[in-house]
C-alpha atoms as a PDB file:
ATOM      1  CA  MET A   1     164.001 178.312  56.686  1.00  0.00           C
ATOM      2  CA  THR A   2     164.724 178.912  60.270  1.00  0.00           C
ATOM      3  CA  ALA A   3     161.061 179.880  60.560  1.00  0.00           C
ATOM      4  CA  VAL A   4     160.001 175.981  59.535  1.00  0.00           C
ATOM      5  CA  ILE A   5     162.348 174.410  61.763  1.00  0.00           C
ATOM      6  CA  ALA A   6     161.335 176.730  64.778  1.00  0.00           C
ATOM      7  CA  ALA A   7     157.756 175.743  64.098  1.00  0.00           C
ATOM      8  CA  SER A   8     158.441 172.171  63.550  1.00  0.00           C
ATOM      9  CA  VAL A   9     160.409 171.693  66.949  1.00  0.00           C
ATOM     10  CA  PRO A  10     157.493 172.246  69.345  1.00  0.00           C
ATOM     11  CA  LEU A  11     155.279 170.039  67.090  1.00  0.00           C
ATOM     12  CA  ALA A  12     157.995 167.154  67.666  1.00  0.00           C
ATOM     13  CA  ALA A  13     158.226 167.706  71.102  1.00  0.00           C
ATOM     14  CA  GLY A  14     154.500 167.325  71.503  1.00  0.00           C
ATOM     15  CA  LEU A  15     154.732 164.393  69.321  1.00  0.00           C
ATOM     16  CA  TYR A  16     157.304 162.694  71.274  1.00  0.00           C
ATOM     17  CA  LEU A  17     155.707 163.414  74.603  1.00  0.00           C
ATOM     18  CA  LEU A  18     152.430 161.900  73.322  1.00  0.00           C
ATOM     19  CA  VAL A  19     154.184 158.782  72.048  1.00  0.00           C
ATOM     20  CA  THR A  20     156.068 158.002  75.153  1.00  0.00           C
ATOM     21  CA  VAL A  21     153.154 158.870  77.271  1.00  0.00           C
ATOM     22  CA  SER A  22     150.852 156.201  75.655  1.00  0.00           C
ATOM     23  CA  TRP A  23     153.500 153.634  75.125  1.00  0.00           C
ATOM     24  CA  SER A  24     154.159 153.629  79.110  1.00  0.00           C
ATOM     25  CA  LEU A  25     150.499 153.593  79.631  1.00  0.00           C
ATOM     26  CA  GLY A  26     150.007 150.680  77.402  1.00  0.00           C
ATOM     27  CA  GLU A  27     153.175 148.770  78.890  1.00  0.00           C
ATOM     28  CA  ARG A  28     151.716 149.269  82.466  1.00  0.00           C
ATOM     29  CA  LEU A  29     148.250 147.963  81.319  1.00  0.00           C
ATOM     30  CA  ILE A  30     149.797 145.030  79.622  1.00  0.00           C
ATOM     31  CA  LEU A  31     152.140 144.036  82.335  1.00  0.00           C
ATOM     32  CA  ARG A  32     149.446 144.572  85.134  1.00  0.00           C
ATOM     33  CA  ARG A  33     147.155 142.229  83.524  1.00  0.00           C
ATOM     34  CA  ARG A  34     150.027 139.483  82.947  1.00  0.00           C
ATOM     35  CA  ARG A  35     151.317 139.949  86.543  1.00  0.00           C
ATOM     36  CA  GLY A  36     147.864 140.242  88.216  1.00  0.00           C
ATOM     37  CA  PRO A  37     147.544 142.313  91.793  1.00  0.00           C
ATOM     38  CA  THR A  38     150.585 143.590  93.846  1.00  0.00           C
ATOM     39  CA  ALA A  39     151.011 143.061  97.445  1.00  0.00           C
ATOM     40  CA  GLY A  40     149.258 146.221  98.348  1.00  0.00           C
ATOM     41  CA  GLU A  41     146.271 145.666  95.790  1.00  0.00           C
ATOM     42  CA  THR A  42     142.836 144.132  96.291  1.00  0.00           C
ATOM     43  CA  PRO A  43     142.276 141.723  93.489  1.00  0.00           C
ATOM     44  CA  VAL A  44     139.087 143.280  91.320  1.00  0.00           C
ATOM     45  CA  PRO A  45     136.610 140.183  90.602  1.00  0.00           C
ATOM     46  CA  VAL A  46     136.090 139.473  86.853  1.00  0.00           C
ATOM     47  CA  GLN A  47     132.068 139.219  85.976  1.00  0.00           C
ATOM     48  CA  GLY A  48     131.468 137.174  83.214  1.00  0.00           C
END
């Protein structure tokens, strides 16, 4: 039983890191699209 728990802890930690990093990146992309460029950024022209 201890071996099963010991094996699942790194898996849970990796899954946690994967989810939090992807959530943060997605949130940044969405907020950047809604707010537009910040003071230091040059706007990227949209082609279309």
